[in-house]
Structure formats: C-alpha cells, structure tokens
Amino acid sequence: MKVIRIYTGDDGQSHFTEVKVPMHAAFHGSDSDFTPALGFVFREAPIGASLGFHTAPHRLLAITLSGVAEIECGDGSSFRLGPGDMLLAEDTTGQGHIVREIEGPRHAVNVQLPPDLDLSNWR
C-alpha cells in the first residue's frame, strides 16, 4: 500500500516522496501492523479553495475520500491527491506546503498521529 509522505528537509522546505506501508498476510487478504492514533477530523473543502504556505498542525495521515487537491512543496514540486490517496504529513516545521482544491468539494479524513510514533518501516 502506497502513501505520499511530505516532510521538512534540512533546507527548511517541504519535500515529498512515496513510501510503502508494510503488509502481511491476513485471513481476508493482507493487513498492516496496528497503528495507534490520537483522533480524527472530517474535512470538507470547496472547489477553488486554497491554503497558502502552511505546515501541518501536527503529524497526521490525510485520506482523501472524494475530490482532488494539488499539493505544492516549497521546493516547487507538486502532486495531486484524489479519492483513496493517503498523505503522511510530517512537515510540521519550516516553510510548509500549499493546498489547492481543484475538484470538489473534497472530502477527507485527517487522522492525528502520536508525535513519537515510529513509522521508519514505512519506506
């Protein structure tokens, strides 16, 4: 299972990379390891909405349910999130990123992760 990870580099700018969540055989297919969470929020954003440069408010996993957003990093790179896409937002410092809602409304679930959660195996 693939997740887009956005993080703050040594240059203080956000960058992204694709990571894989390790999966193992399960009765009905495959599962990841259990990952604790602190809570979640549902989010709805109208088409055309835009958030200028900002950092993630805390470490989170954003799961897009419908609509499409374009994310632009401080290094100039960008990517799109559509239905079923997941973003591991770890750029809680630095310049941050821009979000533009390009198809919508976009519905998402943002799951707050513990700050000390070890996801080093998501690579």
PDB file of N, CA and C in Angstrom:
ATOM      1  N   MET A   1       0.850  -1.167   0.000  1.00  0.00           N
ATOM      2  CA  MET A   1       0.000   0.000   0.000  1.00  0.00           C
ATOM      3  C   MET A   1       0.899   1.234   0.000  1.00  0.00           C
ATOM      4  N   LYS A   2       0.606   2.175  -0.902  1.00  0.00           N
ATOM      5  CA  LYS A   2       1.451   3.355  -1.045  1.00  0.00           C
ATOM      6  C   LYS A   2       0.842   4.575  -0.352  1.00  0.00           C
ATOM      7  N   VAL A   3       1.739   5.393   0.199  1.00  0.00           N
ATOM      8  CA  VAL A   3       1.372   6.642   0.870  1.00  0.00           C
ATOM      9  C   VAL A   3       2.354   7.705   0.388  1.00  0.00           C
ATOM     10  N   ILE A   4       1.857   8.910   0.144  1.00  0.00           N
ATOM     11  CA  ILE A   4       2.756  10.024  -0.168  1.00  0.00           C
ATOM     12  C   ILE A   4       3.155  10.665   1.148  1.00  0.00           C
ATOM     13  N   ARG A   5       4.453  10.793   1.361  1.00  0.00           N
ATOM     14  CA  ARG A   5       4.975  11.399   2.598  1.00  0.00           C
ATOM     15  C   ARG A   5       5.490  12.794   2.263  1.00  0.00           C
ATOM     16  N   ILE A   6       5.069  13.788   3.044  1.00  0.00           N
ATOM     17  CA  ILE A   6       5.578  15.142   2.904  1.00  0.00           C
ATOM     18  C   ILE A   6       6.314  15.462   4.205  1.00  0.00           C
ATOM     19  N   TYR A   7       7.522  15.983   4.083  1.00  0.00           N
ATOM     20  CA  TYR A   7       8.388  16.188   5.248  1.00  0.00           C
ATOM     21  C   TYR A   7       9.232  17.445   5.054  1.00  0.00           C
ATOM     22  N   THR A   8       9.786  17.941   6.141  1.00  0.00           N
ATOM     23  CA  THR A   8      10.663  19.109   6.091  1.00  0.00           C
ATOM     24  C   THR A   8      12.099  18.636   5.925  1.00  0.00           C
ATOM     25  N   GLY A   9      12.759  19.118   4.876  1.00  0.00           N
ATOM     26  CA  GLY A   9      14.155  18.768   4.637  1.00  0.00           C
ATOM     27  C   GLY A   9      15.093  19.656   5.435  1.00  0.00           C
ATOM     28  N   ASP A  10      16.375  19.366   5.342  1.00  0.00           N
ATOM     29  CA  ASP A  10      17.393  20.162   6.028  1.00  0.00           C
ATOM     30  C   ASP A  10      17.404  21.613   5.553  1.00  0.00           C
ATOM     31  N   ASP A  11      16.832  21.860   4.365  1.00  0.00           N
ATOM     32  CA  ASP A  11      16.775  23.217   3.817  1.00  0.00           C
ATOM     33  C   ASP A  11      15.580  24.018   4.336  1.00  0.00           C
ATOM     34  N   GLY A  12      14.762  23.400   5.231  1.00  0.00           N
ATOM     35  CA  GLY A  12      13.607  24.092   5.792  1.00  0.00           C
ATOM     36  C   GLY A  12      12.398  24.094   4.879  1.00  0.00           C
ATOM     37  N   GLN A  13      12.488  23.427   3.728  1.00  0.00           N
ATOM     38  CA  GLN A  13      11.377  23.367   2.790  1.00  0.00           C
ATOM     39  C   GLN A  13      10.748  21.980   2.805  1.00  0.00           C
ATOM     40  N   SER A  14       9.491  21.928   2.402  1.00  0.00           N
ATOM     41  CA  SER A  14       8.782  20.655   2.321  1.00  0.00           C
ATOM     42  C   SER A  14       9.166  19.924   1.041  1.00  0.00           C
ATOM     43  N   HIS A  15       9.253  18.629   1.142  1.00  0.00           N
ATOM     44  CA  HIS A  15       9.551  17.744   0.023  1.00  0.00           C
ATOM     45  C   HIS A  15       8.614  16.554   0.138  1.00  0.00           C
ATOM     46  N   PHE A  16       8.424  15.822  -0.960  1.00  0.00           N
ATOM     47  CA  PHE A  16       7.599  14.631  -0.862  1.00  0.00           C
ATOM     48  C   PHE A  16       8.293  13.431  -1.465  1.00  0.00           C
ATOM     49  N   THR A  17       7.883  12.284  -0.998  1.00  0.00           N
ATOM     50  CA  THR A  17       8.370  11.010  -1.501  1.00  0.00           C
ATOM     51  C   THR A  17       7.240   9.997  -1.334  1.00  0.00           C
ATOM     52  N   GLU A  18       7.314   8.928  -2.070  1.00  0.00           N
ATOM     53  CA  GLU A  18       6.320   7.866  -1.931  1.00  0.00           C
ATOM     54  C   GLU A  18       6.900   6.793  -1.023  1.00  0.00           C
ATOM     55  N   VAL A  19       6.115   6.345  -0.049  1.00  0.00           N
ATOM     56  CA  VAL A  19       6.546   5.286   0.860  1.00  0.00           C
ATOM     57  C   VAL A  19       5.540   4.139   0.783  1.00  0.00           C
ATOM     58  N   LYS A  20       5.970   2.969   1.201  1.00  0.00           N
ATOM     59  CA  LYS A  20       5.095   1.796   1.214  1.00  0.00           C
ATOM     60  C   LYS A  20       4.849   1.365   2.645  1.00  0.00           C
ATOM     61  N   VAL A  21       3.598   1.073   2.936  1.00  0.00           N
ATOM     62  CA  VAL A  21       3.219   0.538   4.237  1.00  0.00           C
ATOM     63  C   VAL A  21       3.415  -0.970   4.167  1.00  0.00           C
ATOM     64  N   PRO A  22       4.230  -1.538   5.057  1.00  0.00           N
ATOM     65  CA  PRO A  22       4.427  -2.992   5.039  1.00  0.00           C
ATOM     66  C   PRO A  22       3.120  -3.719   5.337  1.00  0.00           C
ATOM     67  N   MET A  23       2.854  -4.754   4.575  1.00  0.00           N
ATOM     68  CA  MET A  23       1.643  -5.541   4.728  1.00  0.00           C
ATOM     69  C   MET A  23       2.030  -6.996   4.995  1.00  0.00           C
ATOM     70  N   HIS A  24       1.156  -7.717   5.673  1.00  0.00           N
ATOM     71  CA  HIS A  24       1.379  -9.148   5.915  1.00  0.00           C
ATOM     72  C   HIS A  24       0.073  -9.896   5.669  1.00  0.00           C
ATOM     73  N   ALA A  25       0.204 -11.175   5.380  1.00  0.00           N
ATOM     74  CA  ALA A  25      -0.963 -11.992   5.058  1.00  0.00           C
ATOM     75  C   ALA A  25      -1.947 -11.995   6.217  1.00  0.00           C
ATOM     76  N   ALA A  26      -3.222 -11.934   5.862  1.00  0.00           N
ATOM     77  CA  ALA A  26      -4.301 -11.972   6.841  1.00  0.00           C
ATOM     78  C   ALA A  26      -5.405 -12.874   6.289  1.00  0.00           C
ATOM     79  N   PHE A  27      -6.356 -13.196   7.131  1.00  0.00           N
ATOM     80  CA  PHE A  27      -7.432 -14.109   6.754  1.00  0.00           C
ATOM     81  C   PHE A  27      -8.155 -13.666   5.482  1.00  0.00           C
ATOM     82  N   HIS A  28      -8.382 -12.383   5.333  1.00  0.00           N
ATOM     83  CA  HIS A  28      -9.169 -11.856   4.220  1.00  0.00           C
ATOM     84  C   HIS A  28      -8.337 -11.098   3.197  1.00  0.00           C
ATOM     85  N   GLY A  29      -7.038 -11.243   3.201  1.00  0.00           N
ATOM     86  CA  GLY A  29      -6.163 -10.527   2.270  1.00  0.00           C
ATOM     87  C   GLY A  29      -4.850 -10.200   2.942  1.00  0.00           C
ATOM     88  N   SER A  30      -4.610  -8.919   3.183  1.00  0.00           N
ATOM     89  CA  SER A  30      -3.401  -8.511   3.893  1.00  0.00           C
ATOM     90  C   SER A  30      -3.710  -7.309   4.778  1.00  0.00           C
ATOM     91  N   ASP A  31      -2.962  -7.205   5.843  1.00  0.00           N
ATOM     92  CA  ASP A  31      -3.113  -6.126   6.829  1.00  0.00           C
ATOM     93  C   ASP A  31      -1.765  -5.486   7.098  1.00  0.00           C
ATOM     94  N   SER A  32      -1.808  -4.234   7.543  1.00  0.00           N
ATOM     95  CA  SER A  32      -0.611  -3.597   8.086  1.00  0.00           C
ATOM     96  C   SER A  32      -0.574  -3.905   9.580  1.00  0.00           C
ATOM     97  N   ASP A  33       0.506  -3.504  10.222  1.00  0.00           N
ATOM     98  CA  ASP A  33       0.543  -3.579  11.682  1.00  0.00           C
ATOM     99  C   ASP A  33      -0.441  -2.558  12.242  1.00  0.00           C
ATOM    100  N   PHE A  34      -0.892  -2.769  13.463  1.00  0.00           N
ATOM    101  CA  PHE A  34      -1.768  -1.820  14.138  1.00  0.00           C
ATOM    102  C   PHE A  34      -1.007  -0.516  14.344  1.00  0.00           C
ATOM    103  N   THR A  35      -1.638   0.608  14.028  1.00  0.00           N
ATOM    104  CA  THR A  35      -1.024   1.920  14.194  1.00  0.00           C
ATOM    105  C   THR A  35      -1.923   2.762  15.092  1.00  0.00           C
ATOM    106  N   PRO A  36      -1.413   3.165  16.262  1.00  0.00           N
ATOM    107  CA  PRO A  36      -2.250   3.973  17.152  1.00  0.00           C
ATOM    108  C   PRO A  36      -2.463   5.384  16.596  1.00  0.00           C
ATOM    109  N   ALA A  37      -3.597   5.973  16.966  1.00  0.00           N
ATOM    110  CA  ALA A  37      -3.929   7.337  16.552  1.00  0.00           C
ATOM    111  C   ALA A  37      -4.495   8.079  17.758  1.00  0.00           C
ATOM    112  N   LEU A  38      -4.439   9.417  17.700  1.00  0.00           N
ATOM    113  CA  LEU A  38      -4.945  10.244  18.788  1.00  0.00           C
ATOM    114  C   LEU A  38      -6.370  10.714  18.559  1.00  0.00           C
ATOM    115  N   GLY A  39      -6.812  10.716  17.326  1.00  0.00           N
ATOM    116  CA  GLY A  39      -8.153  11.169  16.987  1.00  0.00           C
ATOM    117  C   GLY A  39      -8.209  11.511  15.514  1.00  0.00           C
ATOM    118  N   PHE A  40      -9.386  11.918  15.058  1.00  0.00           N
ATOM    119  CA  PHE A  40      -9.526  12.268  13.647  1.00  0.00           C
ATOM    120  C   PHE A  40     -10.550  13.371  13.487  1.00  0.00           C
ATOM    121  N   VAL A  41     -10.482  14.017  12.320  1.00  0.00           N
ATOM    122  CA  VAL A  41     -11.432  15.060  11.970  1.00  0.00           C
ATOM    123  C   VAL A  41     -11.837  14.842  10.516  1.00  0.00           C
ATOM    124  N   PHE A  42     -13.129  15.036  10.236  1.00  0.00           N
ATOM    125  CA  PHE A  42     -13.588  15.023   8.850  1.00  0.00           C
ATOM    126  C   PHE A  42     -13.403  16.434   8.301  1.00  0.00           C
ATOM    127  N   ARG A  43     -13.023  16.527   7.045  1.00  0.00           N
ATOM    128  CA  ARG A  43     -12.772  17.832   6.437  1.00  0.00           C
ATOM    129  C   ARG A  43     -13.494  17.909   5.102  1.00  0.00           C
ATOM    130  N   GLU A  44     -14.108  19.060   4.840  1.00  0.00           N
ATOM    131  CA  GLU A  44     -14.741  19.332   3.553  1.00  0.00           C
ATOM    132  C   GLU A  44     -14.203  20.661   3.051  1.00  0.00           C
ATOM    133  N   ALA A  45     -13.721  20.675   1.808  1.00  0.00           N
ATOM    134  CA  ALA A  45     -13.171  21.899   1.224  1.00  0.00           C
ATOM    135  C   ALA A  45     -13.797  22.110  -0.148  1.00  0.00           C
ATOM    136  N   PRO A  46     -14.288  23.315  -0.418  1.00  0.00           N
ATOM    137  CA  PRO A  46     -14.944  23.584  -1.700  1.00  0.00           C
ATOM    138  C   PRO A  46     -13.929  23.707  -2.837  1.00  0.00           C
ATOM    139  N   ILE A  47     -14.383  23.412  -4.038  1.00  0.00           N
ATOM    140  CA  ILE A  47     -13.535  23.596  -5.208  1.00  0.00           C
ATOM    141  C   ILE A  47     -13.098  25.058  -5.264  1.00  0.00           C
ATOM    142  N   GLY A  48     -11.849  25.272  -5.632  1.00  0.00           N
ATOM    143  CA  GLY A  48     -11.313  26.625  -5.727  1.00  0.00           C
ATOM    144  C   GLY A  48     -10.675  27.137  -4.448  1.00  0.00           C
ATOM    145  N   ALA A  49     -10.914  26.461  -3.325  1.00  0.00           N
ATOM    146  CA  ALA A  49     -10.293  26.899  -2.072  1.00  0.00           C
ATOM    147  C   ALA A  49      -8.779  26.696  -2.158  1.00  0.00           C
ATOM    148  N   SER A  50      -8.044  27.542  -1.468  1.00  0.00           N
ATOM    149  CA  SER A  50      -6.587  27.452  -1.486  1.00  0.00           C
ATOM    150  C   SER A  50      -6.042  27.877  -0.130  1.00  0.00           C
ATOM    151  N   LEU A  51      -5.076  27.143   0.335  1.00  0.00           N
ATOM    152  CA  LEU A  51      -4.353  27.487   1.568  1.00  0.00           C
ATOM    153  C   LEU A  51      -2.922  27.785   1.170  1.00  0.00           C
ATOM    154  N   GLY A  52      -2.462  29.007   1.412  1.00  0.00           N
ATOM    155  CA  GLY A  52      -1.079  29.362   1.107  1.00  0.00           C
ATOM    156  C   GLY A  52      -0.118  28.536   1.942  1.00  0.00           C
ATOM    157  N   PHE A  53       1.153  28.852   1.839  1.00  0.00           N
ATOM    158  CA  PHE A  53       2.156  28.073   2.562  1.00  0.00           C
ATOM    159  C   PHE A  53       1.781  27.939   4.034  1.00  0.00           C
ATOM    160  N   HIS A  54       1.761  26.705   4.490  1.00  0.00           N
ATOM    161  CA  HIS A  54       1.466  26.389   5.890  1.00  0.00           C
ATOM    162  C   HIS A  54       2.081  25.031   6.214  1.00  0.00           C
ATOM    163  N   THR A  55       2.336  24.798   7.461  1.00  0.00           N
ATOM    164  CA  THR A  55       2.838  23.498   7.899  1.00  0.00           C
ATOM    165  C   THR A  55       1.663  22.661   8.402  1.00  0.00           C
ATOM    166  N   ALA A  56       1.884  21.371   8.495  1.00  0.00           N
ATOM    167  CA  ALA A  56       0.868  20.503   9.099  1.00  0.00           C
ATOM    168  C   ALA A  56       0.751  20.898  10.568  1.00  0.00           C
ATOM    169  N   PRO A  57      -0.473  20.970  11.119  1.00  0.00           N
ATOM    170  CA  PRO A  57      -0.647  21.394  12.514  1.00  0.00           C
ATOM    171  C   PRO A  57      -0.068  20.383  13.509  1.00  0.00           C
ATOM    172  N   HIS A  58       0.061  19.149  13.075  1.00  0.00           N
ATOM    173  CA  HIS A  58       0.657  18.060  13.842  1.00  0.00           C
ATOM    174  C   HIS A  58       0.864  16.923  12.847  1.00  0.00           C
ATOM    175  N   ARG A  59       1.552  15.925  13.251  1.00  0.00           N
ATOM    176  CA  ARG A  59       1.782  14.767  12.384  1.00  0.00           C
ATOM    177  C   ARG A  59       0.437  14.088  12.110  1.00  0.00           C
ATOM    178  N   LEU A  60       0.126  13.873  10.822  1.00  0.00           N
ATOM    179  CA  LEU A  60      -1.190  13.306  10.511  1.00  0.00           C
ATOM    180  C   LEU A  60      -1.162  12.483   9.239  1.00  0.00           C
ATOM    181  N   LEU A  61      -2.169  11.640   9.117  1.00  0.00           N
ATOM    182  CA  LEU A  61      -2.417  10.877   7.901  1.00  0.00           C
ATOM    183  C   LEU A  61      -3.717  11.409   7.328  1.00  0.00           C
ATOM    184  N   ALA A  62      -3.656  12.024   6.145  1.00  0.00           N
ATOM    185  CA  ALA A  62      -4.838  12.577   5.485  1.00  0.00           C
ATOM    186  C   ALA A  62      -5.277  11.606   4.394  1.00  0.00           C
ATOM    187  N   ILE A  63      -6.528  11.197   4.448  1.00  0.00           N
ATOM    188  CA  ILE A  63      -7.074  10.244   3.495  1.00  0.00           C
ATOM    189  C   ILE A  63      -8.167  10.949   2.695  1.00  0.00           C
ATOM    190  N   THR A  64      -7.964  11.107   1.395  1.00  0.00           N
ATOM    191  CA  THR A  64      -8.939  11.767   0.535  1.00  0.00           C
ATOM    192  C   THR A  64     -10.046  10.786   0.182  1.00  0.00           C
ATOM    193  N   LEU A  65     -11.278  11.193   0.427  1.00  0.00           N
ATOM    194  CA  LEU A  65     -12.441  10.359   0.123  1.00  0.00           C
ATOM    195  C   LEU A  65     -13.060  10.710  -1.224  1.00  0.00           C
ATOM    196  N   SER A  66     -13.114  12.003  -1.547  1.00  0.00           N
ATOM    197  CA  SER A  66     -13.646  12.459  -2.826  1.00  0.00           C
ATOM    198  C   SER A  66     -13.016  13.805  -3.161  1.00  0.00           C
ATOM    199  N   GLY A  67     -13.091  14.186  -4.435  1.00  0.00           N
ATOM    200  CA  GLY A  67     -12.485  15.433  -4.877  1.00  0.00           C
ATOM    201  C   GLY A  67     -10.997  15.252  -5.146  1.00  0.00           C
ATOM    202  N   VAL A  68     -10.359  16.339  -5.555  1.00  0.00           N
ATOM    203  CA  VAL A  68      -8.931  16.310  -5.877  1.00  0.00           C
ATOM    204  C   VAL A  68      -8.281  17.585  -5.370  1.00  0.00           C
ATOM    205  N   ALA A  69      -7.121  17.430  -4.756  1.00  0.00           N
ATOM    206  CA  ALA A  69      -6.326  18.579  -4.307  1.00  0.00           C
ATOM    207  C   ALA A  69      -4.943  18.495  -4.925  1.00  0.00           C
ATOM    208  N   GLU A  70      -4.365  19.656  -5.193  1.00  0.00           N
ATOM    209  CA  GLU A  70      -2.980  19.731  -5.629  1.00  0.00           C
ATOM    210  C   GLU A  70      -2.171  20.263  -4.452  1.00  0.00           C
ATOM    211  N   ILE A  71      -1.089  19.593  -4.149  1.00  0.00           N
ATOM    212  CA  ILE A  71      -0.194  19.994  -3.059  1.00  0.00           C
ATOM    213  C   ILE A  71       1.108  20.461  -3.688  1.00  0.00           C
ATOM    214  N   GLU A  72       1.556  21.644  -3.309  1.00  0.00           N
ATOM    215  CA  GLU A  72       2.823  22.173  -3.811  1.00  0.00           C
ATOM    216  C   GLU A  72       3.790  22.333  -2.654  1.00  0.00           C
ATOM    217  N   CYS A  73       4.980  21.810  -2.821  1.00  0.00           N
ATOM    218  CA  CYS A  73       6.015  21.900  -1.786  1.00  0.00           C
ATOM    219  C   CYS A  73       6.861  23.150  -2.000  1.00  0.00           C
ATOM    220  N   GLY A  74       7.598  23.519  -0.974  1.00  0.00           N
ATOM    221  CA  GLY A  74       8.472  24.678  -1.046  1.00  0.00           C
ATOM    222  C   GLY A  74       9.553  24.534  -2.094  1.00  0.00           C
ATOM    223  N   ASP A  75       9.903  23.292  -2.460  1.00  0.00           N
ATOM    224  CA  ASP A  75      10.941  23.085  -3.470  1.00  0.00           C
ATOM    225  C   ASP A  75      10.386  23.208  -4.894  1.00  0.00           C
ATOM    226  N   GLY A  76       9.069  23.533  -5.027  1.00  0.00           N
ATOM    227  CA  GLY A  76       8.457  23.716  -6.335  1.00  0.00           C
ATOM    228  C   GLY A  76       7.793  22.466  -6.897  1.00  0.00           C
ATOM    229  N   SER A  77       8.040  21.310  -6.291  1.00  0.00           N
ATOM    230  CA  SER A  77       7.404  20.080  -6.766  1.00  0.00           C
ATOM    231  C   SER A  77       5.941  20.057  -6.327  1.00  0.00           C
ATOM    232  N   SER A  78       5.131  19.315  -7.069  1.00  0.00           N
ATOM    233  CA  SER A  78       3.720  19.220  -6.705  1.00  0.00           C
ATOM    234  C   SER A  78       3.193  17.835  -7.043  1.00  0.00           C
ATOM    235  N   PHE A  79       2.065  17.504  -6.457  1.00  0.00           N
ATOM    236  CA  PHE A  79       1.405  16.238  -6.709  1.00  0.00           C
ATOM    237  C   PHE A  79      -0.067  16.419  -6.427  1.00  0.00           C
ATOM    238  N   ARG A  80      -0.867  15.465  -6.903  1.00  0.00           N
ATOM    239  CA  ARG A  80      -2.318  15.523  -6.703  1.00  0.00           C
ATOM    240  C   ARG A  80      -2.770  14.375  -5.821  1.00  0.00           C
ATOM    241  N   LEU A  81      -3.757  14.679  -4.998  1.00  0.00           N
ATOM    242  CA  LEU A  81      -4.393  13.680  -4.152  1.00  0.00           C
ATOM    243  C   LEU A  81      -5.832  13.532  -4.608  1.00  0.00           C
ATOM    244  N   GLY A  82      -6.235  12.305  -4.911  1.00  0.00           N
ATOM    245  CA  GLY A  82      -7.605  12.029  -5.308  1.00  0.00           C
ATOM    246  C   GLY A  82      -8.212  10.974  -4.404  1.00  0.00           C
ATOM    247  N   PRO A  83      -9.407  10.515  -4.730  1.00  0.00           N
ATOM    248  CA  PRO A  83     -10.095   9.537  -3.891  1.00  0.00           C
ATOM    249  C   PRO A  83      -9.229   8.299  -3.627  1.00  0.00           C
ATOM    250  N   GLY A  84      -9.093   7.969  -2.348  1.00  0.00           N
ATOM    251  CA  GLY A  84      -8.299   6.818  -1.938  1.00  0.00           C
ATOM    252  C   GLY A  84      -6.841   7.125  -1.679  1.00  0.00           C
ATOM    253  N   ASP A  85      -6.358   8.307  -2.074  1.00  0.00           N
ATOM    254  CA  ASP A  85      -4.958   8.656  -1.836  1.00  0.00           C
ATOM    255  C   ASP A  85      -4.744   9.025  -0.375  1.00  0.00           C
ATOM    256  N   MET A  86      -3.552   8.703   0.111  1.00  0.00           N
ATOM    257  CA  MET A  86      -3.201   8.980   1.503  1.00  0.00           C
ATOM    258  C   MET A  86      -1.939   9.820   1.557  1.00  0.00           C
ATOM    259  N   LEU A  87      -1.930  10.791   2.455  1.00  0.00           N
ATOM    260  CA  LEU A  87      -0.795  11.686   2.645  1.00  0.00           C
ATOM    261  C   LEU A  87      -0.349  11.603   4.088  1.00  0.00           C
ATOM    262  N   LEU A  88       0.914  11.247   4.300  1.00  0.00           N
ATOM    263  CA  LEU A  88       1.522  11.278   5.620  1.00  0.00           C
ATOM    264  C   LEU A  88       2.192  12.640   5.758  1.00  0.00           C
ATOM    265  N   ALA A  89       1.556  13.547   6.488  1.00  0.00           N
ATOM    266  CA  ALA A  89       2.050  14.922   6.624  1.00  0.00           C
ATOM    267  C   ALA A  89       2.949  15.017   7.853  1.00  0.00           C
ATOM    268  N   GLU A  90       4.222  15.218   7.600  1.00  0.00           N
ATOM    269  CA  GLU A  90       5.207  15.334   8.681  1.00  0.00           C
ATOM    270  C   GLU A  90       5.994  16.642   8.589  1.00  0.00           C
ATOM    271  N   ASP A  91       5.540  17.567   7.771  1.00  0.00           N
ATOM    272  CA  ASP A  91       6.225  18.860   7.645  1.00  0.00           C
ATOM    273  C   ASP A  91       5.629  19.860   8.634  1.00  0.00           C
ATOM    274  N   THR A  92       5.888  19.630   9.900  1.00  0.00           N
ATOM    275  CA  THR A  92       5.334  20.464  10.976  1.00  0.00           C
ATOM    276  C   THR A  92       6.208  21.680  11.284  1.00  0.00           C
ATOM    277  N   THR A  93       7.323  21.817  10.591  1.00  0.00           N
ATOM    278  CA  THR A  93       8.207  22.979  10.744  1.00  0.00           C
ATOM    279  C   THR A  93       8.602  23.451   9.348  1.00  0.00           C
ATOM    280  N   GLY A  94       9.251  24.601   9.276  1.00  0.00           N
ATOM    281  CA  GLY A  94       9.751  25.106   8.005  1.00  0.00           C
ATOM    282  C   GLY A  94       8.703  25.889   7.234  1.00  0.00           C
ATOM    283  N   GLN A  95       8.918  26.001   5.916  1.00  0.00           N
ATOM    284  CA  GLN A  95       8.047  26.798   5.051  1.00  0.00           C
ATOM    285  C   GLN A  95       6.678  26.150   4.861  1.00  0.00           C
ATOM    286  N   GLY A  96       6.625  24.853   4.816  1.00  0.00           N
ATOM    287  CA  GLY A  96       5.353  24.168   4.624  1.00  0.00           C
ATOM    288  C   GLY A  96       5.008  23.946   3.173  1.00  0.00           C
ATOM    289  N   HIS A  97       3.719  23.829   2.900  1.00  0.00           N
ATOM    290  CA  HIS A  97       3.222  23.491   1.579  1.00  0.00           C
ATOM    291  C   HIS A  97       1.941  24.268   1.286  1.00  0.00           C
ATOM    292  N   ILE A  98       1.540  24.264   0.022  1.00  0.00           N
ATOM    293  CA  ILE A  98       0.314  24.919  -0.435  1.00  0.00           C
ATOM    294  C   ILE A  98      -0.688  23.826  -0.809  1.00  0.00           C
ATOM    295  N   VAL A  99      -1.967  24.047  -0.494  1.00  0.00           N
ATOM    296  CA  VAL A  99      -3.030  23.131  -0.915  1.00  0.00           C
ATOM    297  C   VAL A  99      -4.020  23.901  -1.774  1.00  0.00           C
ATOM    298  N   ARG A 100      -4.321  23.353  -2.960  1.00  0.00           N
ATOM    299  CA  ARG A 100      -5.319  23.945  -3.852  1.00  0.00           C
ATOM    300  C   ARG A 100      -6.375  22.880  -4.146  1.00  0.00           C
ATOM    301  N   GLU A 101      -7.614  23.206  -3.905  1.00  0.00           N
ATOM    302  CA  GLU A 101      -8.719  22.282  -4.172  1.00  0.00           C
ATOM    303  C   GLU A 101      -9.118  22.447  -5.637  1.00  0.00           C
ATOM    304  N   ILE A 102      -8.849  21.448  -6.474  1.00  0.00           N
ATOM    305  CA  ILE A 102      -9.081  21.610  -7.912  1.00  0.00           C
ATOM    306  C   ILE A 102     -10.307  20.865  -8.425  1.00  0.00           C
ATOM    307  N   GLU A 103     -10.787  19.884  -7.691  1.00  0.00           N
ATOM    308  CA  GLU A 103     -12.065  19.230  -7.992  1.00  0.00           C
ATOM    309  C   GLU A 103     -12.757  19.018  -6.666  1.00  0.00           C
ATOM    310  N   GLY A 104     -14.024  19.296  -6.626  1.00  0.00           N
ATOM    311  CA  GLY A 104     -14.633  19.167  -5.328  1.00  0.00           C
ATOM    312  C   GLY A 104     -16.138  19.245  -5.349  1.00  0.00           C
ATOM    313  N   PRO A 105     -16.647  19.328  -4.144  1.00  0.00           N
ATOM    314  CA  PRO A 105     -15.878  19.533  -2.923  1.00  0.00           C
ATOM    315  C   PRO A 105     -15.025  18.307  -2.595  1.00  0.00           C
ATOM    316  N   ARG A 106     -13.920  18.566  -1.887  1.00  0.00           N
ATOM    317  CA  ARG A 106     -13.054  17.466  -1.466  1.00  0.00           C
ATOM    318  C   ARG A 106     -13.411  17.099  -0.046  1.00  0.00           C
ATOM    319  N   HIS A 107     -13.616  15.817   0.160  1.00  0.00           N
ATOM    320  CA  HIS A 107     -13.879  15.275   1.493  1.00  0.00           C
ATOM    321  C   HIS A 107     -12.669  14.439   1.901  1.00  0.00           C
ATOM    322  N   ALA A 108     -12.259  14.599   3.150  1.00  0.00           N
ATOM    323  CA  ALA A 108     -11.089  13.867   3.654  1.00  0.00           C
ATOM    324  C   ALA A 108     -11.272  13.554   5.129  1.00  0.00           C
ATOM    325  N   VAL A 109     -10.491  12.606   5.570  1.00  0.00           N
ATOM    326  CA  VAL A 109     -10.381  12.295   6.993  1.00  0.00           C
ATOM    327  C   VAL A 109      -8.921  12.536   7.361  1.00  0.00           C
ATOM    328  N   ASN A 110      -8.685  13.384   8.352  1.00  0.00           N
ATOM    329  CA  ASN A 110      -7.334  13.639   8.856  1.00  0.00           C
ATOM    330  C   ASN A 110      -7.193  12.949  10.202  1.00  0.00           C
ATOM    331  N   VAL A 111      -6.263  12.015  10.269  1.00  0.00           N
ATOM    332  CA  VAL A 111      -6.037  11.215  11.473  1.00  0.00           C
ATOM    333  C   VAL A 111      -4.775  11.714  12.162  1.00  0.00           C
ATOM    334  N   GLN A 112      -4.918  12.223  13.387  1.00  0.00           N
ATOM    335  CA  GLN A 112      -3.754  12.722  14.125  1.00  0.00           C
ATOM    336  C   GLN A 112      -2.952  11.544  14.664  1.00  0.00           C
ATOM    337  N   LEU A 113      -1.651  11.561  14.390  1.00  0.00           N
ATOM    338  CA  LEU A 113      -0.750  10.504  14.836  1.00  0.00           C
ATOM    339  C   LEU A 113       0.058  10.963  16.038  1.00  0.00           C
ATOM    340  N   PRO A 114       0.425  10.046  16.926  1.00  0.00           N
ATOM    341  CA  PRO A 114       1.272  10.425  18.053  1.00  0.00           C
ATOM    342  C   PRO A 114       2.609  10.969  17.539  1.00  0.00           C
ATOM    343  N   PRO A 115       3.136  12.027  18.144  1.00  0.00           N
ATOM    344  CA  PRO A 115       4.377  12.624  17.646  1.00  0.00           C
ATOM    345  C   PRO A 115       5.566  11.670  17.709  1.00  0.00           C
ATOM    346  N   ASP A 116       5.544  10.718  18.624  1.00  0.00           N
ATOM    347  CA  ASP A 116       6.674   9.797  18.784  1.00  0.00           C
ATOM    348  C   ASP A 116       6.453   8.446  18.084  1.00  0.00           C
ATOM    349  N   LEU A 117       5.410   8.336  17.277  1.00  0.00           N
ATOM    350  CA  LEU A 117       5.122   7.086  16.574  1.00  0.00           C
ATOM    351  C   LEU A 117       6.229   6.762  15.581  1.00  0.00           C
ATOM    352  N   ASP A 118       6.789   5.574  15.683  1.00  0.00           N
ATOM    353  CA  ASP A 118       7.863   5.155  14.790  1.00  0.00           C
ATOM    354  C   ASP A 118       7.295   4.542  13.512  1.00  0.00           C
ATOM    355  N   LEU A 119       7.431   5.256  12.427  1.00  0.00           N
ATOM    356  CA  LEU A 119       6.994   4.755  11.122  1.00  0.00           C
ATOM    357  C   LEU A 119       8.193   4.557  10.203  1.00  0.00           C
ATOM    358  N   SER A 120       9.355   4.323  10.777  1.00  0.00           N
ATOM    359  CA  SER A 120      10.573   4.183   9.955  1.00  0.00           C
ATOM    360  C   SER A 120      10.484   2.987   9.005  1.00  0.00           C
ATOM    361  N   ASN A 121       9.588   2.033   9.281  1.00  0.00           N
ATOM    362  CA  ASN A 121       9.430   0.901   8.372  1.00  0.00           C
ATOM    363  C   ASN A 121       8.536   1.253   7.174  1.00  0.00           C
ATOM    364  N   TRP A 122       7.948   2.448   7.163  1.00  0.00           N
ATOM    365  CA  TRP A 122       7.178   2.922   6.008  1.00  0.00           C
ATOM    366  C   TRP A 122       8.148   3.557   5.018  1.00  0.00           C
ATOM    367  N   ARG A 123       8.920   2.801   4.362  1.00  0.00           N
ATOM    368  CA  ARG A 123       9.915   3.354   3.437  1.00  0.00           C
ATOM    369  C   ARG A 123       9.890   2.519   2.206  1.00  0.00           C
TER     370      ARG A 123
END
